[in-house]
């Protein structure tokens, strides 16, 4: 997966991440912080992602969801 594909797929997950974070926190600001932290971790550790595996599962796992 190229860096552009990784980033595009990550951005496409935003609404899923936000909904799930809201279900966990019930607070919009805290949920947005959680999503932001998740994006930071995903970008920081993207070299650890194994191509052709489930990116969504990986992102939710590193995000602490």
PDB file of N, CA and C in Angstrom:
ATOM      1  N   UNK A   1       0.850  -1.169   0.000  1.00  0.00           N
ATOM      2  CA  UNK A   1       0.000   0.000   0.000  1.00  0.00           C
ATOM      3  C   UNK A   1       0.900   1.239   0.000  1.00  0.00           C
ATOM      4  N   UNK A   2       0.611   2.138  -0.910  1.00  0.00           N
ATOM      5  CA  UNK A   2       1.403   3.371  -0.970  1.00  0.00           C
ATOM      6  C   UNK A   2       1.011   4.297   0.176  1.00  0.00           C
ATOM      7  N   UNK A   3       1.832   5.299   0.411  1.00  0.00           N
ATOM      8  CA  UNK A   3       1.532   6.274   1.460  1.00  0.00           C
ATOM      9  C   UNK A   3       0.233   7.009   1.160  1.00  0.00           C
ATOM     10  N   UNK A   4       0.002   7.326  -0.106  1.00  0.00           N
ATOM     11  CA  UNK A   4      -1.243   8.007  -0.478  1.00  0.00           C
ATOM     12  C   UNK A   4      -2.461   7.129  -0.222  1.00  0.00           C
ATOM     13  N   UNK A   5      -2.370   5.852  -0.565  1.00  0.00           N
ATOM     14  CA  UNK A   5      -3.475   4.930  -0.317  1.00  0.00           C
ATOM     15  C   UNK A   5      -3.738   4.793   1.183  1.00  0.00           C
ATOM     16  N   UNK A   6      -2.673   4.674   1.950  1.00  0.00           N
ATOM     17  CA  UNK A   6      -2.787   4.559   3.399  1.00  0.00           C
ATOM     18  C   UNK A   6      -3.512   5.778   3.961  1.00  0.00           C
ATOM     19  N   UNK A   7      -3.060   6.962   3.562  1.00  0.00           N
ATOM     20  CA  UNK A   7      -3.663   8.196   4.067  1.00  0.00           C
ATOM     21  C   UNK A   7      -5.116   8.332   3.627  1.00  0.00           C
ATOM     22  N   UNK A   8      -5.410   8.006   2.383  1.00  0.00           N
ATOM     23  CA  UNK A   8      -6.782   8.094   1.882  1.00  0.00           C
ATOM     24  C   UNK A   8      -7.697   7.157   2.656  1.00  0.00           C
ATOM     25  N   UNK A   9      -7.243   5.919   2.851  1.00  0.00           N
ATOM     26  CA  UNK A   9      -8.038   4.947   3.606  1.00  0.00           C
ATOM     27  C   UNK A   9      -8.238   5.387   5.053  1.00  0.00           C
ATOM     28  N   UNK A  10      -7.226   5.987   5.618  1.00  0.00           N
ATOM     29  CA  UNK A  10      -7.311   6.483   6.987  1.00  0.00           C
ATOM     30  C   UNK A  10      -8.345   7.607   7.082  1.00  0.00           C
ATOM     31  N   UNK A  11      -8.320   8.514   6.139  1.00  0.00           N
ATOM     32  CA  UNK A  11      -9.281   9.620   6.126  1.00  0.00           C
ATOM     33  C   UNK A  11     -10.699   9.104   5.935  1.00  0.00           C
ATOM     34  N   UNK A  12     -10.866   8.083   5.111  1.00  0.00           N
ATOM     35  CA  UNK A  12     -12.198   7.512   4.867  1.00  0.00           C
ATOM     36  C   UNK A  12     -12.797   6.869   6.117  1.00  0.00           C
ATOM     37  N   UNK A  13     -11.975   6.548   7.104  1.00  0.00           N
ATOM     38  CA  UNK A  13     -12.439   5.935   8.347  1.00  0.00           C
ATOM     39  C   UNK A  13     -12.905   6.946   9.376  1.00  0.00           C
ATOM     40  N   UNK A  14     -12.747   8.218   9.081  1.00  0.00           N
ATOM     41  CA  UNK A  14     -12.999   9.260  10.082  1.00  0.00           C
ATOM     42  C   UNK A  14     -14.374   9.159  10.727  1.00  0.00           C
ATOM     43  N   UNK A  15     -15.409   9.018   9.926  1.00  0.00           N
ATOM     44  CA  UNK A  15     -16.758   8.977  10.504  1.00  0.00           C
ATOM     45  C   UNK A  15     -16.953   7.737  11.379  1.00  0.00           C
ATOM     46  N   UNK A  16     -16.394   6.603  10.970  1.00  0.00           N
ATOM     47  CA  UNK A  16     -16.479   5.388  11.800  1.00  0.00           C
ATOM     48  C   UNK A  16     -15.756   5.578  13.128  1.00  0.00           C
ATOM     49  N   UNK A  17     -14.576   6.171  13.063  1.00  0.00           N
ATOM     50  CA  UNK A  17     -13.808   6.417  14.282  1.00  0.00           C
ATOM     51  C   UNK A  17     -14.545   7.378  15.204  1.00  0.00           C
ATOM     52  N   UNK A  18     -15.108   8.440  14.631  1.00  0.00           N
ATOM     53  CA  UNK A  18     -15.819   9.422  15.447  1.00  0.00           C
ATOM     54  C   UNK A  18     -17.058   8.820  16.111  1.00  0.00           C
ATOM     55  N   UNK A  19     -17.828   8.055  15.357  1.00  0.00           N
ATOM     56  CA  UNK A  19     -19.012   7.425  15.929  1.00  0.00           C
ATOM     57  C   UNK A  19     -18.644   6.486  17.074  1.00  0.00           C
ATOM     58  N   UNK A  20     -17.612   5.692  16.837  1.00  0.00           N
ATOM     59  CA  UNK A  20     -17.230   4.737  17.877  1.00  0.00           C
ATOM     60  C   UNK A  20     -16.671   5.464  19.096  1.00  0.00           C
ATOM     61  N   UNK A  21     -15.861   6.478  18.880  1.00  0.00           N
ATOM     62  CA  UNK A  21     -15.315   7.249  20.000  1.00  0.00           C
ATOM     63  C   UNK A  21     -16.438   7.914  20.799  1.00  0.00           C
ATOM     64  N   UNK A  22     -17.460   8.421  20.112  1.00  0.00           N
ATOM     65  CA  UNK A  22     -18.609   9.016  20.805  1.00  0.00           C
ATOM     66  C   UNK A  22     -19.353   7.972  21.628  1.00  0.00           C
ATOM     67  N   UNK A  23     -19.463   6.758  21.093  1.00  0.00           N
ATOM     68  CA  UNK A  23     -20.158   5.710  21.841  1.00  0.00           C
ATOM     69  C   UNK A  23     -19.397   5.330  23.105  1.00  0.00           C
ATOM     70  N   UNK A  24     -18.089   5.518  23.091  1.00  0.00           N
ATOM     71  CA  UNK A  24     -17.281   5.185  24.267  1.00  0.00           C
ATOM     72  C   UNK A  24     -17.248   6.313  25.293  1.00  0.00           C
ATOM     73  N   UNK A  25     -17.214   7.557  24.804  1.00  0.00           N
ATOM     74  CA  UNK A  25     -16.981   8.684  25.701  1.00  0.00           C
ATOM     75  C   UNK A  25     -18.231   9.498  26.028  1.00  0.00           C
ATOM     76  N   UNK A  26     -19.200   9.517  25.125  1.00  0.00           N
ATOM     77  CA  UNK A  26     -20.410  10.343  25.262  1.00  0.00           C
ATOM     78  C   UNK A  26     -20.084  11.828  25.405  1.00  0.00           C
ATOM     79  N   UNK A  27     -18.905  12.215  24.950  1.00  0.00           N
ATOM     80  CA  UNK A  27     -18.487  13.609  24.986  1.00  0.00           C
ATOM     81  C   UNK A  27     -17.796  13.946  23.671  1.00  0.00           C
ATOM     82  N   UNK A  28     -18.326  14.917  22.949  1.00  0.00           N
ATOM     83  CA  UNK A  28     -17.818  15.229  21.609  1.00  0.00           C
ATOM     84  C   UNK A  28     -16.338  15.613  21.620  1.00  0.00           C
ATOM     85  N   UNK A  29     -15.946  16.491  22.528  1.00  0.00           N
ATOM     86  CA  UNK A  29     -14.550  16.936  22.567  1.00  0.00           C
ATOM     87  C   UNK A  29     -13.592  15.792  22.892  1.00  0.00           C
ATOM     88  N   UNK A  30     -13.969  14.975  23.840  1.00  0.00           N
ATOM     89  CA  UNK A  30     -13.129  13.823  24.196  1.00  0.00           C
ATOM     90  C   UNK A  30     -13.051  12.839  23.037  1.00  0.00           C
ATOM     91  N   UNK A  31     -14.168  12.642  22.358  1.00  0.00           N
ATOM     92  CA  UNK A  31     -14.188  11.736  21.203  1.00  0.00           C
ATOM     93  C   UNK A  31     -13.279  12.254  20.095  1.00  0.00           C
ATOM     94  N   UNK A  32     -13.347  13.548  19.823  1.00  0.00           N
ATOM     95  CA  UNK A  32     -12.482  14.128  18.784  1.00  0.00           C
ATOM     96  C   UNK A  32     -11.008  14.029  19.166  1.00  0.00           C
ATOM     97  N   UNK A  33     -10.701  14.208  20.453  1.00  0.00           N
ATOM     98  CA  UNK A  33      -9.323  14.029  20.922  1.00  0.00           C
ATOM     99  C   UNK A  33      -8.852  12.597  20.711  1.00  0.00           C
ATOM    100  N   UNK A  34      -9.726  11.640  20.988  1.00  0.00           N
ATOM    101  CA  UNK A  34      -9.392  10.228  20.808  1.00  0.00           C
ATOM    102  C   UNK A  34      -9.119   9.915  19.333  1.00  0.00           C
ATOM    103  N   UNK A  35      -9.932  10.467  18.452  1.00  0.00           N
ATOM    104  CA  UNK A  35      -9.726  10.259  17.013  1.00  0.00           C
ATOM    105  C   UNK A  35      -8.412  10.908  16.579  1.00  0.00           C
ATOM    106  N   UNK A  36      -8.139  12.098  17.065  1.00  0.00           N
ATOM    107  CA  UNK A  36      -6.883  12.778  16.720  1.00  0.00           C
ATOM    108  C   UNK A  36      -5.680  11.972  17.205  1.00  0.00           C
ATOM    109  N   UNK A  37      -5.741  11.462  18.415  1.00  0.00           N
ATOM    110  CA  UNK A  37      -4.653  10.624  18.935  1.00  0.00           C
ATOM    111  C   UNK A  37      -4.478   9.366  18.096  1.00  0.00           C
ATOM    112  N   UNK A  38      -5.590   8.805  17.640  1.00  0.00           N
ATOM    113  CA  UNK A  38      -5.538   7.607  16.809  1.00  0.00           C
ATOM    114  C   UNK A  38      -4.872   7.901  15.476  1.00  0.00           C
ATOM    115  N   UNK A  39      -5.224   9.028  14.855  1.00  0.00           N
ATOM    116  CA  UNK A  39      -4.573   9.423  13.602  1.00  0.00           C
ATOM    117  C   UNK A  39      -3.071   9.616  13.800  1.00  0.00           C
ATOM    118  N   UNK A  40      -2.692  10.252  14.894  1.00  0.00           N
ATOM    119  CA  UNK A  40      -1.268  10.463  15.171  1.00  0.00           C
ATOM    120  C   UNK A  40      -0.528   9.136  15.303  1.00  0.00           C
ATOM    121  N   UNK A  41      -1.121   8.198  16.024  1.00  0.00           N
ATOM    122  CA  UNK A  41      -0.498   6.877  16.179  1.00  0.00           C
ATOM    123  C   UNK A  41      -0.415   6.151  14.837  1.00  0.00           C
ATOM    124  N   UNK A  42      -1.480   6.221  14.045  1.00  0.00           N
ATOM    125  CA  UNK A  42      -1.488   5.524  12.754  1.00  0.00           C
ATOM    126  C   UNK A  42      -0.401   6.074  11.840  1.00  0.00           C
ATOM    127  N   UNK A  43      -0.260   7.379  11.808  1.00  0.00           N
ATOM    128  CA  UNK A  43       0.761   7.979  10.949  1.00  0.00           C
ATOM    129  C   UNK A  43       2.164   7.688  11.486  1.00  0.00           C
ATOM    130  N   UNK A  44       2.312   7.744  12.795  1.00  0.00           N
ATOM    131  CA  UNK A  44       3.621   7.483  13.408  1.00  0.00           C
ATOM    132  C   UNK A  44       4.079   6.047  13.181  1.00  0.00           C
ATOM    133  N   UNK A  45       3.146   5.102  13.281  1.00  0.00           N
ATOM    134  CA  UNK A  45       3.503   3.685  13.204  1.00  0.00           C
ATOM    135  C   UNK A  45       3.093   3.016  11.899  1.00  0.00           C
ATOM    136  N   UNK A  46       2.862   3.792  10.851  1.00  0.00           N
ATOM    137  CA  UNK A  46       2.363   3.184   9.609  1.00  0.00           C
ATOM    138  C   UNK A  46       3.333   2.177   9.005  1.00  0.00           C
ATOM    139  N   UNK A  47       4.627   2.276   9.306  1.00  0.00           N
ATOM    140  CA  UNK A  47       5.570   1.288   8.786  1.00  0.00           C
ATOM    141  C   UNK A  47       5.372  -0.077   9.435  1.00  0.00           C
ATOM    142  N   UNK A  48       4.657  -0.122  10.547  1.00  0.00           N
ATOM    143  CA  UNK A  48       4.372  -1.395  11.212  1.00  0.00           C
ATOM    144  C   UNK A  48       3.121  -2.074  10.660  1.00  0.00           C
ATOM    145  N   UNK A  49       2.347  -1.349   9.844  1.00  0.00           N
ATOM    146  CA  UNK A  49       1.161  -1.947   9.231  1.00  0.00           C
ATOM    147  C   UNK A  49       1.598  -2.921   8.148  1.00  0.00           C
ATOM    148  N   UNK A  50       1.019  -4.103   8.154  1.00  0.00           N
ATOM    149  CA  UNK A  50       1.337  -5.139   7.179  1.00  0.00           C
ATOM    150  C   UNK A  50       0.363  -5.010   6.008  1.00  0.00           C
ATOM    151  N   UNK A  51       0.914  -4.800   4.815  1.00  0.00           N
ATOM    152  CA  UNK A  51       0.076  -4.681   3.619  1.00  0.00           C
ATOM    153  C   UNK A  51      -0.848  -5.880   3.463  1.00  0.00           C
ATOM    154  N   UNK A  52      -2.000  -5.608   2.898  1.00  0.00           N
ATOM    155  CA  UNK A  52      -3.019  -6.620   2.584  1.00  0.00           C
ATOM    156  C   UNK A  52      -3.620  -7.259   3.831  1.00  0.00           C
ATOM    157  N   UNK A  53      -3.526  -6.554   4.955  1.00  0.00           N
ATOM    158  CA  UNK A  53      -4.259  -6.969   6.145  1.00  0.00           C
ATOM    159  C   UNK A  53      -5.336  -5.919   6.403  1.00  0.00           C
ATOM    160  N   UNK A  54      -6.087  -6.081   7.447  1.00  0.00           N
ATOM    161  CA  UNK A  54      -7.238  -5.226   7.718  1.00  0.00           C
ATOM    162  C   UNK A  54      -6.803  -3.911   8.370  1.00  0.00           C
ATOM    163  N   UNK A  55      -6.754  -2.852   7.571  1.00  0.00           N
ATOM    164  CA  UNK A  55      -6.320  -1.543   8.069  1.00  0.00           C
ATOM    165  C   UNK A  55      -7.269  -1.030   9.144  1.00  0.00           C
ATOM    166  N   UNK A  56      -8.566  -1.208   8.938  1.00  0.00           N
ATOM    167  CA  UNK A  56      -9.537  -0.711   9.914  1.00  0.00           C
ATOM    168  C   UNK A  56      -9.324  -1.370  11.280  1.00  0.00           C
ATOM    169  N   UNK A  57      -9.138  -2.662  11.306  1.00  0.00           N
ATOM    170  CA  UNK A  57      -8.896  -3.371  12.561  1.00  0.00           C
ATOM    171  C   UNK A  57      -7.606  -2.888  13.208  1.00  0.00           C
ATOM    172  N   UNK A  58      -6.577  -2.677  12.392  1.00  0.00           N
ATOM    173  CA  UNK A  58      -5.291  -2.203  12.909  1.00  0.00           C
ATOM    174  C   UNK A  58      -5.446  -0.823  13.534  1.00  0.00           C
ATOM    175  N   UNK A  59      -6.144   0.072  12.852  1.00  0.00           N
ATOM    176  CA  UNK A  59      -6.331   1.441  13.352  1.00  0.00           C
ATOM    177  C   UNK A  59      -7.128   1.427  14.652  1.00  0.00           C
ATOM    178  N   UNK A  60      -8.192   0.646  14.701  1.00  0.00           N
ATOM    179  CA  UNK A  60      -8.979   0.587  15.939  1.00  0.00           C
ATOM    180  C   UNK A  60      -8.150  -0.008  17.081  1.00  0.00           C
ATOM    181  N   UNK A  61      -7.266  -0.930  16.789  1.00  0.00           N
ATOM    182  CA  UNK A  61      -6.435  -1.539  17.814  1.00  0.00           C
ATOM    183  C   UNK A  61      -5.405  -0.551  18.343  1.00  0.00           C
ATOM    184  N   UNK A  62      -4.689   0.137  17.460  1.00  0.00           N
ATOM    185  CA  UNK A  62      -3.674   1.069  17.943  1.00  0.00           C
ATOM    186  C   UNK A  62      -4.295   2.301  18.577  1.00  0.00           C
ATOM    187  N   UNK A  63      -5.546   2.575  18.201  1.00  0.00           N
ATOM    188  CA  UNK A  63      -6.236   3.731  18.773  1.00  0.00           C
ATOM    189  C   UNK A  63      -6.710   3.496  20.196  1.00  0.00           C
ATOM    190  N   UNK A  64      -6.612   2.295  20.640  1.00  0.00           N
ATOM    191  CA  UNK A  64      -7.037   1.981  22.000  1.00  0.00           C
ATOM    192  C   UNK A  64      -8.535   1.764  22.116  1.00  0.00           C
ATOM    193  N   UNK A  65      -9.177   1.544  20.980  1.00  0.00           N
ATOM    194  CA  UNK A  65     -10.623   1.306  20.988  1.00  0.00           C
ATOM    195  C   UNK A  65     -10.838  -0.083  21.436  1.00  0.00           C
TER     196      UNK A  65
END
